[in-house]
PDB file of N, CA and C in Angstrom:
ATOM      1  N   UNK A   1       0.862  -1.183   0.000  1.00  0.00           N
ATOM      2  CA  UNK A   1       0.000   0.000   0.000  1.00  0.00           C
ATOM      3  C   UNK A   1       0.904   1.240   0.000  1.00  0.00           C
ATOM      4  N   UNK A   2       0.730   2.112  -0.956  1.00  0.00           N
ATOM      5  CA  UNK A   2       1.556   3.310  -1.020  1.00  0.00           C
ATOM      6  C   UNK A   2       0.831   4.499  -0.377  1.00  0.00           C
ATOM      7  N   UNK A   3       1.514   5.618  -0.344  1.00  0.00           N
ATOM      8  CA  UNK A   3       0.991   6.792   0.360  1.00  0.00           C
ATOM      9  C   UNK A   3      -0.284   7.311  -0.301  1.00  0.00           C
ATOM     10  N   UNK A   4      -0.367   7.258  -1.624  1.00  0.00           N
ATOM     11  CA  UNK A   4      -1.572   7.750  -2.302  1.00  0.00           C
ATOM     12  C   UNK A   4      -2.811   6.964  -1.885  1.00  0.00           C
ATOM     13  N   UNK A   5      -2.663   5.654  -1.747  1.00  0.00           N
ATOM     14  CA  UNK A   5      -3.791   4.835  -1.307  1.00  0.00           C
ATOM     15  C   UNK A   5      -4.166   5.153   0.135  1.00  0.00           C
ATOM     16  N   UNK A   6      -3.154   5.386   0.975  1.00  0.00           N
ATOM     17  CA  UNK A   6      -3.434   5.750   2.371  1.00  0.00           C
ATOM     18  C   UNK A   6      -4.170   7.082   2.448  1.00  0.00           C
ATOM     19  N   UNK A   7      -3.742   8.048   1.636  1.00  0.00           N
ATOM     20  CA  UNK A   7      -4.401   9.359   1.629  1.00  0.00           C
ATOM     21  C   UNK A   7      -5.833   9.230   1.134  1.00  0.00           C
ATOM     22  N   UNK A   8      -6.043   8.426   0.102  1.00  0.00           N
ATOM     23  CA  UNK A   8      -7.408   8.226  -0.393  1.00  0.00           C
ATOM     24  C   UNK A   8      -8.302   7.572   0.655  1.00  0.00           C
ATOM     25  N   UNK A   9      -7.735   6.649   1.423  1.00  0.00           N
ATOM     26  CA  UNK A   9      -8.535   5.906   2.400  1.00  0.00           C
ATOM     27  C   UNK A   9      -8.760   6.682   3.697  1.00  0.00           C
ATOM     28  N   UNK A  10      -7.691   7.279   4.250  1.00  0.00           N
ATOM     29  CA  UNK A  10      -7.780   7.931   5.559  1.00  0.00           C
ATOM     30  C   UNK A  10      -7.889   9.449   5.492  1.00  0.00           C
ATOM     31  N   UNK A  11      -7.469  10.055   4.402  1.00  0.00           N
ATOM     32  CA  UNK A  11      -7.449  11.508   4.290  1.00  0.00           C
ATOM     33  C   UNK A  11      -6.044  12.042   4.505  1.00  0.00           C
ATOM     34  N   UNK A  12      -5.767  13.185   3.885  1.00  0.00           N
ATOM     35  CA  UNK A  12      -4.414  13.754   3.929  1.00  0.00           C
ATOM     36  C   UNK A  12      -4.013  14.165   5.340  1.00  0.00           C
ATOM     37  N   UNK A  13      -4.927  14.765   6.088  1.00  0.00           N
ATOM     38  CA  UNK A  13      -4.593  15.230   7.432  1.00  0.00           C
ATOM     39  C   UNK A  13      -4.205  14.102   8.361  1.00  0.00           C
ATOM     40  N   UNK A  14      -4.942  13.009   8.314  1.00  0.00           N
ATOM     41  CA  UNK A  14      -4.655  11.867   9.183  1.00  0.00           C
ATOM     42  C   UNK A  14      -3.324  11.227   8.826  1.00  0.00           C
ATOM     43  N   UNK A  15      -3.074  11.028   7.538  1.00  0.00           N
ATOM     44  CA  UNK A  15      -1.818  10.417   7.102  1.00  0.00           C
ATOM     45  C   UNK A  15      -0.640  11.314   7.462  1.00  0.00           C
ATOM     46  N   UNK A  16      -0.780  12.607   7.245  1.00  0.00           N
ATOM     47  CA  UNK A  16       0.283  13.546   7.594  1.00  0.00           C
ATOM     48  C   UNK A  16       0.558  13.526   9.091  1.00  0.00           C
ATOM     49  N   UNK A  17      -0.493  13.480   9.895  1.00  0.00           N
ATOM     50  CA  UNK A  17      -0.334  13.432  11.345  1.00  0.00           C
ATOM     51  C   UNK A  17       0.413  12.168  11.772  1.00  0.00           C
ATOM     52  N   UNK A  18       0.044  11.025  11.224  1.00  0.00           N
ATOM     53  CA  UNK A  18       0.688   9.762  11.603  1.00  0.00           C
ATOM     54  C   UNK A  18       2.154   9.748  11.180  1.00  0.00           C
ATOM     55  N   UNK A  19       2.445  10.223   9.974  1.00  0.00           N
ATOM     56  CA  UNK A  19       3.837  10.268   9.516  1.00  0.00           C
ATOM     57  C   UNK A  19       4.652  11.233  10.372  1.00  0.00           C
ATOM     58  N   UNK A  20       4.094  12.410  10.666  1.00  0.00           N
ATOM     59  CA  UNK A  20       4.804  13.387  11.498  1.00  0.00           C
ATOM     60  C   UNK A  20       5.034  12.843  12.902  1.00  0.00           C
ATOM     61  N   UNK A  21       4.057  12.145  13.450  1.00  0.00           N
ATOM     62  CA  UNK A  21       4.207  11.549  14.775  1.00  0.00           C
ATOM     63  C   UNK A  21       5.307  10.495  14.777  1.00  0.00           C
ATOM     64  N   UNK A  22       5.336   9.650  13.757  1.00  0.00           N
ATOM     65  CA  UNK A  22       6.363   8.615  13.669  1.00  0.00           C
ATOM     66  C   UNK A  22       7.758   9.222  13.518  1.00  0.00           C
ATOM     67  N   UNK A  23       7.883  10.226  12.650  1.00  0.00           N
ATOM     68  CA  UNK A  23       9.183  10.880  12.459  1.00  0.00           C
ATOM     69  C   UNK A  23       9.613  11.594  13.740  1.00  0.00           C
ATOM     70  N   UNK A  24       8.680  12.257  14.410  1.00  0.00           N
ATOM     71  CA  UNK A  24       8.993  12.939  15.663  1.00  0.00           C
ATOM     72  C   UNK A  24       9.464  11.986  16.743  1.00  0.00           C
ATOM     73  N   UNK A  25       8.791  10.848  16.869  1.00  0.00           N
ATOM     74  CA  UNK A  25       9.204   9.853  17.866  1.00  0.00           C
ATOM     75  C   UNK A  25      10.572   9.281  17.520  1.00  0.00           C
ATOM     76  N   UNK A  26      10.790   8.988  16.246  1.00  0.00           N
ATOM     77  CA  UNK A  26      12.076   8.446  15.805  1.00  0.00           C
ATOM     78  C   UNK A  26      13.212   9.432  16.057  1.00  0.00           C
ATOM     79  N   UNK A  27      13.044  10.680  15.606  1.00  0.00           N
ATOM     80  CA  UNK A  27      14.097  11.672  15.795  1.00  0.00           C
ATOM     81  C   UNK A  27      14.245  12.070  17.262  1.00  0.00           C
ATOM     82  N   UNK A  28      13.150  12.142  17.979  1.00  0.00           N
ATOM     83  CA  UNK A  28      13.229  12.453  19.405  1.00  0.00           C
ATOM     84  C   UNK A  28      13.990  11.392  20.172  1.00  0.00           C
ATOM     85  N   UNK A  29      13.721  10.130  19.856  1.00  0.00           N
ATOM     86  CA  UNK A  29      14.455   9.040  20.501  1.00  0.00           C
ATOM     87  C   UNK A  29      15.933   9.066  20.151  1.00  0.00           C
ATOM     88  N   UNK A  30      16.235   9.340  18.885  1.00  0.00           N
ATOM     89  CA  UNK A  30      17.640   9.423  18.472  1.00  0.00           C
ATOM     90  C   UNK A  30      18.341  10.597  19.146  1.00  0.00           C
ATOM     91  N   UNK A  31      17.660  11.732  19.251  1.00  0.00           N
ATOM     92  CA  UNK A  31      18.257  12.902  19.910  1.00  0.00           C
ATOM     93  C   UNK A  31      18.460  12.639  21.394  1.00  0.00           C
ATOM     94  N   UNK A  32      17.495  11.981  22.024  1.00  0.00           N
ATOM     95  CA  UNK A  32      17.620  11.660  23.445  1.00  0.00           C
ATOM     96  C   UNK A  32      18.764  10.683  23.668  1.00  0.00           C
ATOM     97  N   UNK A  33      18.851   9.671  22.818  1.00  0.00           N
ATOM     98  CA  UNK A  33      19.894   8.656  22.973  1.00  0.00           C
ATOM     99  C   UNK A  33      21.294   9.240  22.754  1.00  0.00           C
ATOM    100  N   UNK A  34      21.419  10.134  21.781  1.00  0.00           N
ATOM    101  CA  UNK A  34      22.731  10.714  21.476  1.00  0.00           C
ATOM    102  C   UNK A  34      23.033  11.963  22.295  1.00  0.00           C
ATOM    103  N   UNK A  35      22.070  12.400  23.103  1.00  0.00           N
ATOM    104  CA  UNK A  35      22.205  13.619  23.910  1.00  0.00           C
ATOM    105  C   UNK A  35      22.482  14.838  23.023  1.00  0.00           C
ATOM    106  N   UNK A  36      21.804  14.883  21.881  1.00  0.00           N
ATOM    107  CA  UNK A  36      21.963  15.977  20.923  1.00  0.00           C
ATOM    108  C   UNK A  36      21.386  17.260  21.509  1.00  0.00           C
ATOM    109  N   UNK A  37      22.166  18.331  21.467  1.00  0.00           N
ATOM    110  CA  UNK A  37      21.701  19.625  21.958  1.00  0.00           C
ATOM    111  C   UNK A  37      22.251  20.704  21.028  1.00  0.00           C
ATOM    112  N   UNK A  38      21.362  21.333  20.294  1.00  0.00           N
ATOM    113  CA  UNK A  38      21.773  22.357  19.339  1.00  0.00           C
ATOM    114  C   UNK A  38      22.398  23.550  20.044  1.00  0.00           C
ATOM    115  N   UNK A  39      21.873  23.907  21.207  1.00  0.00           N
ATOM    116  CA  UNK A  39      22.396  25.065  21.939  1.00  0.00           C
ATOM    117  C   UNK A  39      23.841  24.823  22.386  1.00  0.00           C
ATOM    118  N   UNK A  40      24.135  23.632  22.908  1.00  0.00           N
ATOM    119  CA  UNK A  40      25.508  23.364  23.339  1.00  0.00           C
ATOM    120  C   UNK A  40      26.460  23.326  22.144  1.00  0.00           C
ATOM    121  N   UNK A  41      25.975  22.888  20.981  1.00  0.00           N
ATOM    122  CA  UNK A  41      26.812  22.918  19.778  1.00  0.00           C
ATOM    123  C   UNK A  41      27.102  24.353  19.367  1.00  0.00           C
ATOM    124  N   UNK A  42      26.100  25.224  19.460  1.00  0.00           N
ATOM    125  CA  UNK A  42      26.307  26.635  19.125  1.00  0.00           C
ATOM    126  C   UNK A  42      27.289  27.286  20.093  1.00  0.00           C
ATOM    127  N   UNK A  43      27.202  26.935  21.366  1.00  0.00           N
ATOM    128  CA  UNK A  43      28.133  27.488  22.359  1.00  0.00           C
ATOM    129  C   UNK A  43      29.548  26.999  22.082  1.00  0.00           C
ATOM    130  N   UNK A  44      29.697  25.701  21.802  1.00  0.00           N
ATOM    131  CA  UNK A  44      31.025  25.179  21.474  1.00  0.00           C
ATOM    132  C   UNK A  44      31.596  25.876  20.242  1.00  0.00           C
ATOM    133  N   UNK A  45      30.767  26.095  19.249  1.00  0.00           N
ATOM    134  CA  UNK A  45      31.223  26.750  18.023  1.00  0.00           C
ATOM    135  C   UNK A  45      31.652  28.181  18.304  1.00  0.00           C
ATOM    136  N   UNK A  46      30.868  28.906  19.105  1.00  0.00           N
ATOM    137  CA  UNK A  46      31.200  30.304  19.383  1.00  0.00           C
ATOM    138  C   UNK A  46      32.454  30.431  20.236  1.00  0.00           C
ATOM    139  N   UNK A  47      32.722  29.424  21.057  1.00  0.00           N
ATOM    140  CA  UNK A  47      33.928  29.437  21.890  1.00  0.00           C
ATOM    141  C   UNK A  47      35.112  28.769  21.198  1.00  0.00           C
ATOM    142  N   UNK A  48      34.913  28.372  19.951  1.00  0.00           N
ATOM    143  CA  UNK A  48      35.945  27.715  19.131  1.00  0.00           C
ATOM    144  C   UNK A  48      36.484  26.444  19.789  1.00  0.00           C
ATOM    145  N   UNK A  49      35.578  25.721  20.469  1.00  0.00           N
ATOM    146  CA  UNK A  49      35.921  24.409  21.023  1.00  0.00           C
ATOM    147  C   UNK A  49      35.285  23.364  20.116  1.00  0.00           C
ATOM    148  N   UNK A  50      36.006  22.328  19.777  1.00  0.00           N
ATOM    149  CA  UNK A  50      35.479  21.280  18.916  1.00  0.00           C
ATOM    150  C   UNK A  50      35.254  20.043  19.773  1.00  0.00           C
ATOM    151  N   UNK A  51      34.068  19.960  20.345  1.00  0.00           N
ATOM    152  CA  UNK A  51      33.727  18.856  21.226  1.00  0.00           C
ATOM    153  C   UNK A  51      32.689  17.928  20.614  1.00  0.00           C
ATOM    154  N   UNK A  52      32.101  17.127  21.480  1.00  0.00           N
ATOM    155  CA  UNK A  52      31.133  16.118  21.058  1.00  0.00           C
ATOM    156  C   UNK A  52      29.867  16.757  20.491  1.00  0.00           C
ATOM    157  N   UNK A  53      29.404  17.844  21.090  1.00  0.00           N
ATOM    158  CA  UNK A  53      28.151  18.461  20.646  1.00  0.00           C
ATOM    159  C   UNK A  53      28.242  18.975  19.219  1.00  0.00           C
ATOM    160  N   UNK A  54      29.325  19.640  18.897  1.00  0.00           N
ATOM    161  CA  UNK A  54      29.440  20.180  17.540  1.00  0.00           C
ATOM    162  C   UNK A  54      29.683  19.062  16.529  1.00  0.00           C
ATOM    163  N   UNK A  55      30.387  18.009  16.941  1.00  0.00           N
ATOM    164  CA  UNK A  55      30.575  16.867  16.043  1.00  0.00           C
ATOM    165  C   UNK A  55      29.239  16.194  15.754  1.00  0.00           C
ATOM    166  N   UNK A  56      28.412  16.052  16.776  1.00  0.00           N
ATOM    167  CA  UNK A  56      27.079  15.468  16.591  1.00  0.00           C
ATOM    168  C   UNK A  56      26.241  16.345  15.677  1.00  0.00           C
ATOM    169  N   UNK A  57      26.348  17.659  15.833  1.00  0.00           N
ATOM    170  CA  UNK A  57      25.594  18.569  14.972  1.00  0.00           C
ATOM    171  C   UNK A  57      26.037  18.434  13.522  1.00  0.00           C
ATOM    172  N   UNK A  58      27.351  18.349  13.284  1.00  0.00           N
ATOM    173  CA  UNK A  58      27.853  18.197  11.916  1.00  0.00           C
ATOM    174  C   UNK A  58      27.364  16.890  11.288  1.00  0.00           C
ATOM    175  N   UNK A  59      27.330  15.814  12.068  1.00  0.00           N
ATOM    176  CA  UNK A  59      26.829  14.540  11.549  1.00  0.00           C
ATOM    177  C   UNK A  59      25.349  14.662  11.192  1.00  0.00           C
ATOM    178  N   UNK A  60      24.555  15.268  12.081  1.00  0.00           N
ATOM    179  CA  UNK A  60      23.117  15.430  11.827  1.00  0.00           C
ATOM    180  C   UNK A  60      22.877  16.317  10.608  1.00  0.00           C
ATOM    181  N   UNK A  61      23.592  17.420  10.508  1.00  0.00           N
ATOM    182  CA  UNK A  61      23.436  18.335   9.377  1.00  0.00           C
ATOM    183  C   UNK A  61      23.850  17.661   8.074  1.00  0.00           C
ATOM    184  N   UNK A  62      24.979  16.975   8.107  1.00  0.00           N
ATOM    185  CA  UNK A  62      25.453  16.283   6.909  1.00  0.00           C
ATOM    186  C   UNK A  62      24.495  15.196   6.454  1.00  0.00           C
ATOM    187  N   UNK A  63      23.936  14.454   7.405  1.00  0.00           N
ATOM    188  CA  UNK A  63      22.975  13.405   7.061  1.00  0.00           C
ATOM    189  C   UNK A  63      21.717  14.003   6.451  1.00  0.00           C
ATOM    190  N   UNK A  64      21.267  15.123   6.984  1.00  0.00           N
ATOM    191  CA  UNK A  64      20.065  15.772   6.453  1.00  0.00           C
ATOM    192  C   UNK A  64      20.303  16.277   5.034  1.00  0.00           C
ATOM    193  N   UNK A  65      21.418  16.941   4.813  1.00  0.00           N
ATOM    194  CA  UNK A  65      21.724  17.470   3.477  1.00  0.00           C
ATOM    195  C   UNK A  65      21.896  16.328   2.477  1.00  0.00           C
ATOM    196  N   UNK A  66      22.647  15.298   2.861  1.00  0.00           N
ATOM    197  CA  UNK A  66      22.871  14.170   1.953  1.00  0.00           C
ATOM    198  C   UNK A  66      21.569  13.444   1.634  1.00  0.00           C
ATOM    199  N   UNK A  67      20.715  13.267   2.625  1.00  0.00           N
ATOM    200  CA  UNK A  67      19.438  12.576   2.406  1.00  0.00           C
ATOM    201  C   UNK A  67      18.548  13.349   1.448  1.00  0.00           C
ATOM    202  N   UNK A  68      18.438  14.646   1.657  1.00  0.00           N
ATOM    203  CA  UNK A  68      17.589  15.458   0.785  1.00  0.00           C
ATOM    204  C   UNK A  68      18.145  15.478  -0.636  1.00  0.00           C
ATOM    205  N   UNK A  69      19.446  15.624  -0.786  1.00  0.00           N
ATOM    206  CA  UNK A  69      20.036  15.643  -2.124  1.00  0.00           C
ATOM    207  C   UNK A  69      19.858  14.304  -2.828  1.00  0.00           C
ATOM    208  N   UNK A  70      19.964  13.219  -2.078  1.00  0.00           N
ATOM    209  CA  UNK A  70      19.732  11.896  -2.665  1.00  0.00           C
ATOM    210  C   UNK A  70      18.290  11.758  -3.142  1.00  0.00           C
ATOM    211  N   UNK A  71      17.342  12.196  -2.322  1.00  0.00           N
ATOM    212  CA  UNK A  71      15.930  12.094  -2.697  1.00  0.00           C
ATOM    213  C   UNK A  71      15.601  12.979  -3.902  1.00  0.00           C
ATOM    214  N   UNK A  72      16.255  14.139  -4.010  1.00  0.00           N
ATOM    215  CA  UNK A  72      16.056  14.995  -5.187  1.00  0.00           C
ATOM    216  C   UNK A  72      16.661  14.334  -6.424  1.00  0.00           C
ATOM    217  N   UNK A  73      17.866  13.772  -6.294  1.00  0.00           N
ATOM    218  CA  UNK A  73      18.517  13.116  -7.429  1.00  0.00           C
ATOM    219  C   UNK A  73      17.743  11.878  -7.881  1.00  0.00           C
ATOM    220  N   UNK A  74      17.102  11.187  -6.942  1.00  0.00           N
ATOM    221  CA  UNK A  74      16.301  10.007  -7.280  1.00  0.00           C
ATOM    222  C   UNK A  74      14.922  10.392  -7.803  1.00  0.00           C
ATOM    223  N   UNK A  75      14.691  11.695  -7.923  1.00  0.00           N
ATOM    224  CA  UNK A  75      13.432  12.260  -8.409  1.00  0.00           C
ATOM    225  C   UNK A  75      12.241  11.868  -7.540  1.00  0.00           C
ATOM    226  N   UNK A  76      12.497  11.681  -6.252  1.00  0.00           N
ATOM    227  CA  UNK A  76      11.410  11.436  -5.306  1.00  0.00           C
ATOM    228  C   UNK A  76      10.804  12.758  -4.864  1.00  0.00           C
ATOM    229  N   UNK A  77      11.653  13.794  -4.768  1.00  0.00           N
ATOM    230  CA  UNK A  77      11.198  15.151  -4.459  1.00  0.00           C
ATOM    231  C   UNK A  77      11.260  15.991  -5.724  1.00  0.00           C
ATOM    232  N   UNK A  78      10.209  16.741  -5.998  1.00  0.00           N
ATOM    233  CA  UNK A  78      10.208  17.684  -7.112  1.00  0.00           C
ATOM    234  C   UNK A  78      10.245  19.088  -6.513  1.00  0.00           C
ATOM    235  N   UNK A  79      11.416  19.703  -6.572  1.00  0.00           N
ATOM    236  CA  UNK A  79      11.582  21.012  -5.945  1.00  0.00           C
ATOM    237  C   UNK A  79      11.417  22.162  -6.933  1.00  0.00           C
ATOM    238  N   UNK A  80      11.057  21.857  -8.170  1.00  0.00           N
ATOM    239  CA  UNK A  80      10.954  22.919  -9.169  1.00  0.00           C
ATOM    240  C   UNK A  80       9.835  23.906  -8.854  1.00  0.00           C
ATOM    241  N   UNK A  81       8.809  23.462  -8.153  1.00  0.00           N
ATOM    242  CA  UNK A  81       7.704  24.355  -7.821  1.00  0.00           C
ATOM    243  C   UNK A  81       7.683  24.740  -6.344  1.00  0.00           C
ATOM    244  N   UNK A  82       8.769  24.506  -5.645  1.00  0.00           N
ATOM    245  CA  UNK A  82       8.828  24.899  -4.236  1.00  0.00           C
ATOM    246  C   UNK A  82       8.715  26.417  -4.133  1.00  0.00           C
ATOM    247  N   UNK A  83       7.968  26.881  -3.161  1.00  0.00           N
ATOM    248  CA  UNK A  83       7.697  28.311  -3.022  1.00  0.00           C
ATOM    249  C   UNK A  83       8.991  29.110  -2.880  1.00  0.00           C
ATOM    250  N   UNK A  84       9.952  28.582  -2.156  1.00  0.00           N
ATOM    251  CA  UNK A  84      11.198  29.308  -1.926  1.00  0.00           C
ATOM    252  C   UNK A  84      12.037  29.423  -3.196  1.00  0.00           C
ATOM    253  N   UNK A  85      11.899  28.487  -4.114  1.00  0.00           N
ATOM    254  CA  UNK A  85      12.689  28.512  -5.341  1.00  0.00           C
ATOM    255  C   UNK A  85      11.936  29.203  -6.470  1.00  0.00           C
ATOM    256  N   UNK A  86      10.636  28.941  -6.578  1.00  0.00           N
ATOM    257  CA  UNK A  86       9.851  29.455  -7.702  1.00  0.00           C
ATOM    258  C   UNK A  86       9.565  30.948  -7.593  1.00  0.00           C
ATOM    259  N   UNK A  87       9.369  31.460  -6.395  1.00  0.00           N
ATOM    260  CA  UNK A  87       8.994  32.867  -6.221  1.00  0.00           C
ATOM    261  C   UNK A  87      10.240  33.740  -6.121  1.00  0.00           C
ATOM    262  N   UNK A  88      10.127  34.937  -6.659  1.00  0.00           N
ATOM    263  CA  UNK A  88      11.210  35.895  -6.486  1.00  0.00           C
ATOM    264  C   UNK A  88      11.001  36.604  -5.157  1.00  0.00           C
ATOM    265  N   UNK A  89      12.057  36.732  -4.427  1.00  0.00           N
ATOM    266  CA  UNK A  89      11.949  37.337  -3.106  1.00  0.00           C
ATOM    267  C   UNK A  89      12.682  38.655  -3.026  1.00  0.00           C
ATOM    268  N   UNK A  90      12.505  39.304  -1.923  1.00  0.00           N
ATOM    269  CA  UNK A  90      13.132  40.592  -1.683  1.00  0.00           C
ATOM    270  C   UNK A  90      14.351  40.391  -0.790  1.00  0.00           C
ATOM    271  N   UNK A  91      15.499  40.826  -1.262  1.00  0.00           N
ATOM    272  CA  UNK A  91      16.707  40.702  -0.458  1.00  0.00           C
ATOM    273  C   UNK A  91      16.613  41.568   0.784  1.00  0.00           C
ATOM    274  N   UNK A  92      16.044  42.760   0.656  1.00  0.00           N
ATOM    275  CA  UNK A  92      15.911  43.628   1.828  1.00  0.00           C
ATOM    276  C   UNK A  92      14.967  43.002   2.852  1.00  0.00           C
ATOM    277  N   UNK A  93      13.915  42.328   2.398  1.00  0.00           N
ATOM    278  CA  UNK A  93      13.005  41.653   3.319  1.00  0.00           C
ATOM    279  C   UNK A  93      13.705  40.539   4.074  1.00  0.00           C
ATOM    280  N   UNK A  94      14.565  39.800   3.382  1.00  0.00           N
ATOM    281  CA  UNK A  94      15.311  38.730   4.037  1.00  0.00           C
ATOM    282  C   UNK A  94      16.298  39.294   5.055  1.00  0.00           C
ATOM    283  N   UNK A  95      16.957  40.386   4.715  1.00  0.00           N
ATOM    284  CA  UNK A  95      17.921  40.996   5.638  1.00  0.00           C
ATOM    285  C   UNK A  95      17.209  41.550   6.864  1.00  0.00           C
ATOM    286  N   UNK A  96      16.128  42.285   6.649  1.00  0.00           N
ATOM    287  CA  UNK A  96      15.380  42.854   7.779  1.00  0.00           C
ATOM    288  C   UNK A  96      14.798  41.738   8.639  1.00  0.00           C
ATOM    289  N   UNK A  97      14.236  40.710   8.008  1.00  0.00           N
ATOM    290  CA  UNK A  97      13.691  39.582   8.760  1.00  0.00           C
ATOM    291  C   UNK A  97      14.762  38.867   9.558  1.00  0.00           C
ATOM    292  N   UNK A  98      15.925  38.671   8.969  1.00  0.00           N
ATOM    293  CA  UNK A  98      17.028  38.032   9.684  1.00  0.00           C
ATOM    294  C   UNK A  98      17.504  38.850  10.867  1.00  0.00           C
ATOM    295  N   UNK A  99      17.594  40.158  10.679  1.00  0.00           N
ATOM    296  CA  UNK A  99      17.999  41.029  11.787  1.00  0.00           C
ATOM    297  C   UNK A  99      16.973  41.016  12.914  1.00  0.00           C
ATOM    298  N   UNK A 100      15.697  41.058  12.569  1.00  0.00           N
ATOM    299  CA  UNK A 100      14.652  41.004  13.594  1.00  0.00           C
ATOM    300  C   UNK A 100      14.669  39.667  14.328  1.00  0.00           C
ATOM    301  N   UNK A 101      14.830  38.581  13.589  1.00  0.00           N
ATOM    302  CA  UNK A 101      14.887  37.268  14.217  1.00  0.00           C
ATOM    303  C   UNK A 101      16.096  37.158  15.139  1.00  0.00           C
ATOM    304  N   UNK A 102      17.254  37.585  14.658  1.00  0.00           N
ATOM    305  CA  UNK A 102      18.461  37.535  15.480  1.00  0.00           C
ATOM    306  C   UNK A 102      18.352  38.397  16.719  1.00  0.00           C
ATOM    307  N   UNK A 103      17.764  39.583  16.580  1.00  0.00           N
ATOM    308  CA  UNK A 103      17.565  40.453  17.747  1.00  0.00           C
ATOM    309  C   UNK A 103      16.643  39.794  18.761  1.00  0.00           C
ATOM    310  N   UNK A 104      15.586  39.170  18.277  1.00  0.00           N
ATOM    311  CA  UNK A 104      14.673  38.471  19.182  1.00  0.00           C
ATOM    312  C   UNK A 104      15.351  37.322  19.897  1.00  0.00           C
ATOM    313  N   UNK A 105      16.206  36.597  19.194  1.00  0.00           N
ATOM    314  CA  UNK A 105      16.932  35.494  19.833  1.00  0.00           C
ATOM    315  C   UNK A 105      17.885  36.016  20.898  1.00  0.00           C
ATOM    316  N   UNK A 106      18.541  37.131  20.632  1.00  0.00           N
ATOM    317  CA  UNK A 106      19.454  37.706  21.621  1.00  0.00           C
ATOM    318  C   UNK A 106      18.683  38.197  22.833  1.00  0.00           C
ATOM    319  N   UNK A 107      17.568  38.879  22.602  1.00  0.00           N
ATOM    320  CA  UNK A 107      16.765  39.383  23.715  1.00  0.00           C
ATOM    321  C   UNK A 107      16.168  38.252  24.548  1.00  0.00           C
ATOM    322  N   UNK A 108      15.864  37.130  23.910  1.00  0.00           N
ATOM    323  CA  UNK A 108      15.298  35.993  24.632  1.00  0.00           C
ATOM    324  C   UNK A 108      16.386  35.101  25.223  1.00  0.00           C
ATOM    325  N   UNK A 109      17.632  35.471  25.010  1.00  0.00           N
ATOM    326  CA  UNK A 109      18.795  34.705  25.470  1.00  0.00           C
ATOM    327  C   UNK A 109      18.759  33.274  24.944  1.00  0.00           C
ATOM    328  N   UNK A 110      18.328  33.144  23.701  1.00  0.00           N
ATOM    329  CA  UNK A 110      18.220  31.814  23.077  1.00  0.00           C
ATOM    330  C   UNK A 110      19.392  31.538  22.237  1.00  0.00           C
TER     331      UNK A 110
END
């Protein structure tokens, strides 16, 4: 049974919820088991220390990038109509948004 049949039978919302729940449990368990902490990796990076946290972050980031690129190359993902790629954006909007986001993170001590 493929995903299209599941969506036809149960509906898109239900199938999406079940897949998201399964992925969340899987990644949550992996993060808990590996003691993955993005904040500690950012602190290690800012202090120019190369410890376990930043190594774990590099492995996670590399796996994510490699997986997505593999799925695109295998033509499982069609990114030609992705909103971020298809639409023209404003560079000033991205800069202002990034500055506002960064300021909020600093103010929240995140």
